[in-house]
């Protein structure tokens, strides 16, 4: 494995809160300001595992209890995704320094010093024959941090050459933002709902996994009264750093229960837009440009609605040469490299830890 240029290859793996697949990506990086993005791909969960995970996430008692068999199944699904990725892109396994395997979040309650991602690092390392880093959030939460978002330092590396102030938005299951200031400041926090609410609504009403291209929401009319009521959630006024559990805004599904399909989807989309726009309350200067990662960037109803609400440039992250489907997977490759080097994964202004803090657990592969 050549590191003559100071860059090491790492693979990152994550399944987000929307549980629509396992994202895998390769980067080469020094773990600091230099990043070269490689290929990325998304592989489906076996349906039975995805169904079991959704049931566990919906039941906090189960999520906090013994889940050994499910953790093994999740780990094996992630390993299988990495193996497919290595084969599909004809990668030299020996050239990969690390696999950063986030695992599947099933519980995130940082105020109770509790976060749980299902991933057996030792099992994954033994199966892959590559060192694995996992358990990225636990040290942050144990130190009193929010444990999320962890992507801001990677966002800063991606955008190192761009004009600031700049906002990077990830619209996955839950939304999160990274504000990059003119003097090098990094402020990050979970912004509110993203795809999870709309996905759950469409699944309940129509048995689909998403509102494809935002067409259902575009056909409806948002109920402004319901949106205003949902925006009274105290979360939006809380100063960052702050983070969310996937189900924090689950009551919104009840709030739109009396609406028809199109109006319900339109109302949840409007809530997502308004919640995201509220992030401007917590940054020193409104950014003129927003770069969007995650599945939400493919929803024209959300993208056009946010641009209109902000009166700012709202663009997919592809505008700067990155694949928005796998930025978070790239991030955990980057964080794995930082973890091995003992560099911080989180900052006081990103998760609320008392000081810059490293994290992650490294599991050596059997040689």
Protein backbone atom coordinates (compact mmCIF):
# COMPACT_ATOMS: atom_id res chain seq x y z
CA UNK A 1 0.00 0.00 0.00
CA UNK A 2 1.69 3.18 -1.23
CA UNK A 3 1.36 6.30 0.87
CA UNK A 4 4.17 8.24 -0.77
CA UNK A 5 1.82 11.17 -1.39
CA UNK A 6 0.57 11.09 2.21
CA UNK A 7 -2.84 9.79 1.20
CA UNK A 8 -4.33 6.48 2.32
CA UNK A 9 -7.26 4.61 0.83
CA UNK A 10 -10.23 3.88 3.07
CA UNK A 11 -13.71 2.53 2.53
CA UNK A 12 -16.67 4.02 4.38
CA UNK A 13 -19.97 2.22 5.02
CA UNK A 14 -23.24 3.50 6.46
CA UNK A 15 -26.95 2.86 6.44
CA UNK A 16 -28.82 6.02 7.40
CA UNK A 17 -32.00 6.50 9.39
CA UNK A 18 -34.13 6.12 6.26
CA UNK A 19 -32.80 2.53 5.94
CA UNK A 20 -33.15 2.55 2.17
CA UNK A 21 -29.84 0.78 1.58
CA UNK A 22 -26.19 0.40 2.57
CA UNK A 23 -23.93 3.09 1.14
CA UNK A 24 -20.29 2.23 0.41
CA UNK A 25 -17.60 4.60 -0.87
CA UNK A 26 -13.84 4.81 -1.33
CA UNK A 27 -11.70 7.88 -0.69
CA UNK A 28 -8.00 8.65 -0.52
CA UNK A 29 -7.12 11.21 2.12
CA UNK A 30 -4.58 12.39 4.65
CA UNK A 31 -7.43 12.68 7.17
CA UNK A 32 -7.11 16.46 7.05
CA UNK A 33 -7.65 18.91 4.17
CA UNK A 34 -6.80 16.62 1.26
CA UNK A 35 -9.56 14.37 -0.08
CA UNK A 36 -9.80 12.47 -3.35
CA UNK A 37 -13.22 10.88 -3.88
CA UNK A 38 -13.33 7.45 -5.45
CA UNK A 39 -16.31 5.31 -6.50
CA UNK A 40 -19.45 4.87 -4.45
CA UNK A 41 -22.50 2.62 -4.59
CA UNK A 42 -25.62 1.70 -2.65
CA UNK A 43 -26.71 -1.86 -1.97
CA UNK A 44 -30.10 -2.94 -0.61
CA UNK A 45 -30.59 -4.43 2.80
CA UNK A 46 -32.09 -7.91 2.73
CA UNK A 47 -35.81 -7.09 3.15
CA UNK A 48 -36.21 -9.14 6.30
CA UNK A 49 -33.37 -7.27 8.03
CA UNK A 50 -34.75 -3.87 7.01
CA UNK A 51 -38.19 -4.83 8.31
CA UNK A 52 -36.77 -6.01 11.64
CA UNK A 53 -34.72 -2.82 12.01
CA UNK A 54 -37.76 -0.62 11.41
CA UNK A 55 -39.66 -2.56 14.05
CA UNK A 56 -36.81 -2.14 16.55
CA UNK A 57 -36.42 1.59 15.86
CA UNK A 58 -40.14 2.07 16.46
CA UNK A 59 -39.87 0.39 19.89
CA UNK A 60 -37.32 2.12 22.14
CA UNK A 61 -37.57 -0.68 24.70
CA UNK A 62 -36.41 -3.23 22.16
CA UNK A 63 -33.78 -0.85 20.78
CA UNK A 64 -32.17 -0.63 24.22
CA UNK A 65 -32.30 -4.38 24.86
CA UNK A 66 -30.35 -7.44 23.68
CA UNK A 67 -30.01 -7.52 19.89
CA UNK A 68 -27.12 -9.90 19.30
CA UNK A 69 -28.72 -11.82 16.42
CA UNK A 70 -29.87 -8.66 14.66
CA UNK A 71 -26.46 -7.03 15.12
CA UNK A 72 -24.79 -10.05 13.55
CA UNK A 73 -27.23 -9.93 10.63
CA UNK A 74 -26.69 -6.18 10.14
CA UNK A 75 -22.91 -6.64 10.29
CA UNK A 76 -23.02 -9.45 7.75
CA UNK A 77 -25.17 -7.34 5.42
CA UNK A 78 -22.64 -4.50 5.65
CA UNK A 79 -19.75 -6.91 5.03
CA UNK A 80 -21.58 -8.33 1.99
CA UNK A 81 -22.05 -4.79 0.66
CA UNK A 82 -18.31 -4.08 1.02
CA UNK A 83 -17.43 -7.36 -0.69
CA UNK A 84 -19.75 -6.50 -3.60
CA UNK A 85 -18.19 -3.04 -3.80
CA UNK A 86 -14.62 -4.40 -3.88
CA UNK A 87 -15.58 -6.85 -6.62
CA UNK A 88 -17.64 -4.37 -8.65
CA UNK A 89 -14.86 -1.78 -8.78
CA UNK A 90 -12.00 -4.30 -8.98
CA UNK A 91 -10.29 -2.85 -5.92
CA UNK A 92 -7.02 -4.18 -4.56
CA UNK A 93 -7.99 -5.27 -1.05
CA UNK A 94 -4.40 -4.90 0.12
CA UNK A 95 -4.38 -1.21 -0.83
CA UNK A 96 -7.25 -0.38 1.56
CA UNK A 97 -5.92 0.80 4.91
CA UNK A 98 -9.22 0.81 6.80
CA UNK A 99 -12.95 0.29 6.60
CA UNK A 100 -14.96 2.86 8.56
CA UNK A 101 -18.19 1.00 9.34
CA UNK A 102 -20.77 3.19 11.03
CA UNK A 103 -23.43 0.49 11.44
CA UNK A 104 -27.15 1.06 11.86
CA UNK A 105 -28.39 3.54 14.44
CA UNK A 106 -31.33 2.13 16.39
CA UNK A 107 -31.32 4.53 19.35
CA UNK A 108 -29.93 8.01 19.85
CA UNK A 109 -30.64 9.82 23.14
CA UNK A 110 -27.59 11.93 23.88
CA UNK A 111 -29.19 13.70 26.84
CA UNK A 112 -29.30 10.28 28.49
CA UNK A 113 -25.69 9.62 27.36
CA UNK A 114 -27.07 6.88 25.13
CA UNK A 115 -26.45 6.10 21.48
CA UNK A 116 -26.49 2.71 19.80
CA UNK A 117 -25.29 1.63 16.37
CA UNK A 118 -25.51 -2.04 15.48
CA UNK A 119 -22.14 -3.18 14.13
CA UNK A 120 -19.83 -5.92 15.38
CA UNK A 121 -16.42 -4.53 14.45
CA UNK A 122 -14.48 -7.67 15.28
CA UNK A 123 -16.81 -9.81 13.17
CA UNK A 124 -16.52 -7.39 10.23
CA UNK A 125 -12.72 -7.18 10.38
CA UNK A 126 -12.36 -10.95 10.51
CA UNK A 127 -14.68 -11.40 7.54
CA UNK A 128 -13.12 -8.70 5.38
CA UNK A 129 -9.47 -9.18 6.26
CA UNK A 130 -9.16 -5.39 6.59
CA UNK A 131 -8.90 -3.35 9.79
CA UNK A 132 -12.27 -1.88 10.76
CA UNK A 133 -13.09 1.25 12.75
CA UNK A 134 -16.59 1.52 14.23
CA UNK A 135 -18.41 2.95 17.26
CA UNK A 136 -17.79 6.52 16.11
CA UNK A 137 -20.37 8.24 18.32
CA UNK A 138 -19.96 6.64 21.75
CA UNK A 139 -16.98 8.67 23.02
CA UNK A 140 -18.65 11.94 22.04
CA UNK A 141 -21.89 11.08 23.83
CA UNK A 142 -20.02 9.80 26.90
CA UNK A 143 -18.22 13.18 27.08
CA UNK A 144 -21.54 15.05 27.07
CA UNK A 145 -21.74 15.72 23.34
CA UNK A 146 -24.69 15.17 21.05
CA UNK A 147 -22.89 12.42 19.13
CA UNK A 148 -24.12 14.00 15.89
CA UNK A 149 -23.65 15.27 13.34
CA UNK A 150 -20.20 13.81 12.70
CA UNK A 151 -19.92 14.85 9.05
CA UNK A 152 -18.94 18.55 9.53
CA UNK A 153 -15.17 18.07 9.47
CA UNK A 154 -15.55 16.13 6.22
CA UNK A 155 -17.79 18.86 4.80
CA UNK A 156 -15.06 21.37 5.65
CA UNK A 157 -12.47 19.26 3.82
CA UNK A 158 -14.72 18.90 0.77
CA UNK A 159 -15.35 22.64 0.61
CA UNK A 160 -11.87 23.85 1.55
CA UNK A 161 -11.46 25.88 -1.65
CA UNK A 162 -14.96 27.43 -1.78
CA UNK A 163 -16.14 30.93 -0.89
CA UNK A 164 -17.77 31.29 2.53
CA UNK A 165 -20.10 31.62 4.37
CA UNK A 166 -21.50 28.39 2.98
CA UNK A 167 -24.06 25.88 4.21
CA UNK A 168 -23.85 22.16 3.51
CA UNK A 169 -27.19 20.43 4.05
CA UNK A 170 -27.72 16.69 4.29
CA UNK A 171 -31.31 15.67 3.66
CA UNK A 172 -31.32 12.02 4.65
CA UNK A 173 -33.82 10.57 7.14
CA UNK A 174 -33.10 13.46 9.51
CA UNK A 175 -31.65 16.72 8.18
CA UNK A 176 -28.35 18.18 9.34
CA UNK A 177 -26.44 21.30 8.39
CA UNK A 178 -22.83 22.44 8.49
CA UNK A 179 -22.17 26.19 8.40
CA UNK A 180 -18.69 27.12 7.24
CA UNK A 181 -17.76 30.67 8.21
CA UNK A 182 -15.40 33.13 6.57
CA UNK A 183 -12.85 32.86 9.39
CA UNK A 184 -12.81 29.05 9.36
CA UNK A 185 -15.64 28.57 11.84
CA UNK A 186 -17.60 25.29 11.71
CA UNK A 187 -21.08 25.16 13.27
CA UNK A 188 -23.22 22.07 12.81
CA UNK A 189 -26.47 20.59 14.09
CA UNK A 190 -29.46 18.49 13.12
CA UNK A 191 -31.95 20.82 11.44
CA UNK A 192 -35.15 18.78 11.69
CA UNK A 193 -37.13 16.36 9.53
CA UNK A 194 -35.90 15.41 6.09
CA UNK A 195 -37.03 12.32 4.18
CA UNK A 196 -38.14 10.12 7.08
CA UNK A 197 -41.52 11.77 7.70
CA UNK A 198 -42.48 11.90 4.03
CA UNK A 199 -41.26 8.32 3.49
CA UNK A 200 -43.28 7.05 6.46
CA UNK A 201 -46.39 8.93 5.31
CA UNK A 202 -46.20 7.57 1.77
CA UNK A 203 -45.55 4.06 3.08
CA UNK A 204 -48.65 4.21 5.29
CA UNK A 205 -50.92 5.70 2.65
CA UNK A 206 -49.71 4.13 -0.58
CA UNK A 207 -47.32 1.33 0.33
CA UNK A 208 -44.44 3.07 -1.47
CA UNK A 209 -40.98 3.73 -0.07
CA UNK A 210 -40.81 7.42 -1.13
CA UNK A 211 -42.57 10.28 -2.87
CA UNK A 212 -40.75 9.84 -6.17
CA UNK A 213 -39.49 13.20 -7.46
CA UNK A 214 -41.80 14.93 -4.97
CA UNK A 215 -44.72 14.45 -7.38
CA UNK A 216 -47.33 13.67 -4.72
CA UNK A 217 -46.41 16.73 -2.66
CA UNK A 218 -46.34 18.89 -5.79
CA UNK A 219 -49.92 17.88 -6.54
CA UNK A 220 -51.19 18.95 -3.11
CA UNK A 221 -51.63 22.10 -1.07
CA UNK A 222 -49.80 22.52 2.23
CA UNK A 223 -51.87 23.30 5.31
CA UNK A 224 -50.17 26.41 6.69
CA UNK A 225 -51.91 26.09 10.05
CA UNK A 226 -50.51 22.60 10.60
CA UNK A 227 -47.03 23.69 9.50
CA UNK A 228 -47.11 26.64 11.92
CA UNK A 229 -48.18 24.34 14.76
CA UNK A 230 -45.39 21.86 14.00
CA UNK A 231 -42.84 24.69 13.93
CA UNK A 232 -43.70 25.53 17.54
CA UNK A 233 -41.65 22.51 18.62
CA UNK A 234 -39.06 23.87 21.13
CA UNK A 235 -36.30 22.09 19.22
CA UNK A 236 -36.15 24.82 16.61
CA UNK A 237 -35.33 27.50 19.20
CA UNK A 238 -32.71 25.41 20.99
CA UNK A 239 -29.23 26.74 20.38
CA UNK A 240 -26.83 24.30 18.75
CA UNK A 241 -25.16 21.95 19.05
CA UNK A 242 -28.21 19.71 19.04
CA UNK A 243 -29.25 16.42 17.50
CA UNK A 244 -32.38 14.43 16.84
CA UNK A 245 -33.71 10.90 17.03
CA UNK A 246 -35.40 9.80 13.80
CA UNK A 247 -38.80 9.67 15.49
CA UNK A 248 -38.68 13.06 17.26
CA UNK A 249 -41.25 14.58 14.88
CA UNK A 250 -43.31 11.42 14.46
CA UNK A 251 -46.42 13.19 15.80
CA UNK A 252 -46.50 15.13 12.53
CA UNK A 253 -47.96 12.02 10.90
CA UNK A 254 -50.94 12.33 13.21
CA UNK A 255 -51.23 16.03 12.48
CA UNK A 256 -51.79 15.34 8.77
CA UNK A 257 -53.99 12.27 9.26
CA UNK A 258 -57.17 14.10 8.21
CA UNK A 259 -55.65 15.38 4.96
CA UNK A 260 -55.78 13.54 1.65
CA UNK A 261 -52.64 11.94 0.26
CA UNK A 262 -51.43 14.88 -1.83
CA UNK A 263 -52.17 17.55 0.78
CA UNK A 264 -50.60 15.45 3.53
CA UNK A 265 -47.40 15.01 1.51
CA UNK A 266 -47.38 18.71 0.61
CA UNK A 267 -47.77 19.69 4.26
CA UNK A 268 -44.92 17.45 5.39
CA UNK A 269 -42.73 18.79 2.57
CA UNK A 270 -43.55 22.35 3.63
CA UNK A 271 -42.69 21.48 7.23
CA UNK A 272 -39.35 20.01 6.10
CA UNK A 273 -38.56 23.19 4.15
CA UNK A 274 -39.56 25.51 7.00
CA UNK A 275 -37.60 23.44 9.55
CA UNK A 276 -34.51 23.56 7.34
CA UNK A 277 -34.82 27.30 6.78
CA UNK A 278 -34.99 27.79 10.56
CA UNK A 279 -31.33 26.73 10.74
CA UNK A 280 -30.43 30.30 9.74
CA UNK A 281 -31.46 31.44 13.23
CA UNK A 282 -28.38 29.79 14.66
CA UNK A 283 -25.55 30.99 12.40
CA UNK A 284 -23.74 34.32 12.43
CA UNK A 285 -24.29 35.18 8.77
CA UNK A 286 -26.83 33.80 6.30
CA UNK A 287 -25.07 31.79 3.58
CA UNK A 288 -25.69 32.80 -0.02
CA UNK A 289 -25.12 29.21 -1.17
CA UNK A 290 -26.45 25.89 0.09
CA UNK A 291 -25.02 22.58 -1.14
CA UNK A 292 -27.31 19.59 -0.62
CA UNK A 293 -26.40 15.94 -0.06
CA UNK A 294 -28.63 12.94 0.56
CA UNK A 295 -31.79 11.67 -1.11
CA UNK A 296 -33.68 14.92 -0.59
CA UNK A 297 -31.62 16.64 -3.25
CA UNK A 298 -33.43 14.50 -5.83
CA UNK A 299 -36.83 15.87 -4.74
CA UNK A 300 -37.59 18.99 -6.83
CA UNK A 301 -40.45 19.95 -4.52
CA UNK A 302 -38.04 20.20 -1.59
CA UNK A 303 -35.17 21.76 -3.52
CA UNK A 304 -37.23 24.41 -5.31
CA UNK A 305 -39.23 25.12 -2.17
CA UNK A 306 -36.10 25.67 -0.09
CA UNK A 307 -34.53 27.95 -2.70
CA UNK A 308 -37.69 30.05 -2.80
CA UNK A 309 -37.95 30.17 0.99
CA UNK A 310 -34.30 31.19 1.44
CA UNK A 311 -33.87 33.41 -1.63
CA UNK A 312 -30.45 31.73 -1.97
CA UNK A 313 -28.63 29.35 -4.31
CA UNK A 314 -29.62 25.78 -3.43
CA UNK A 315 -27.65 23.21 -5.41
CA UNK A 316 -26.94 19.50 -5.28
CA UNK A 317 -23.45 18.69 -4.00
CA UNK A 318 -22.63 17.38 -7.49
CA UNK A 319 -22.09 21.06 -8.38
CA UNK A 320 -18.66 20.77 -6.70
CA UNK A 321 -17.85 17.28 -7.99
CA UNK A 322 -19.04 14.98 -5.18
CA UNK A 323 -21.65 12.21 -5.33
CA UNK A 324 -24.42 13.24 -2.94
CA UNK A 325 -25.63 9.68 -2.49
CA UNK A 326 -22.43 8.60 -0.76
CA UNK A 327 -21.05 11.67 1.04
CA UNK A 328 -21.84 10.15 4.43
CA UNK A 329 -20.15 6.89 3.48
CA UNK A 330 -17.11 8.90 2.34
CA UNK A 331 -17.27 10.73 5.66
CA UNK A 332 -16.86 7.55 7.71
CA UNK A 333 -13.88 6.52 5.60
CA UNK A 334 -12.40 9.95 6.38
CA UNK A 335 -13.26 9.68 10.08
CA UNK A 336 -11.71 6.20 10.25
CA UNK A 337 -8.43 7.70 9.02
CA UNK A 338 -8.71 10.52 11.55
CA UNK A 339 -9.49 8.05 14.33
CA UNK A 340 -6.41 6.01 13.58
CA UNK A 341 -4.30 9.18 13.63
CA UNK A 342 -5.82 10.33 16.94
CA UNK A 343 -7.33 13.43 15.30
CA UNK A 344 -10.64 14.96 16.45
CA UNK A 345 -13.89 13.66 15.01
CA UNK A 346 -16.02 16.33 16.70
CA UNK A 347 -15.71 19.87 18.02
CA UNK A 348 -17.48 21.94 20.67
CA UNK A 349 -19.28 23.78 17.85
CA UNK A 350 -20.44 20.61 16.10
CA UNK A 351 -21.57 18.27 18.88
CA UNK A 352 -21.05 20.24 22.10
CA UNK A 353 -18.15 18.24 23.47
CA UNK A 354 -16.03 20.22 25.94
CA UNK A 355 -12.99 20.12 23.64
CA UNK A 356 -12.05 18.63 20.25
CA UNK A 357 -12.45 14.89 20.68
CA UNK A 358 -11.32 11.81 18.81
CA UNK A 359 -13.30 8.57 18.87
CA UNK A 360 -13.98 5.26 17.20
CA UNK A 361 -12.78 1.75 18.02
CA UNK A 362 -10.29 -0.05 15.80
CA UNK A 363 -10.55 -3.77 15.18
CA UNK A 364 -7.45 -5.32 13.53
CA UNK A 365 -8.08 -7.93 10.90
CA UNK A 366 -6.78 -11.42 11.55
CA UNK A 367 -3.51 -11.81 9.68
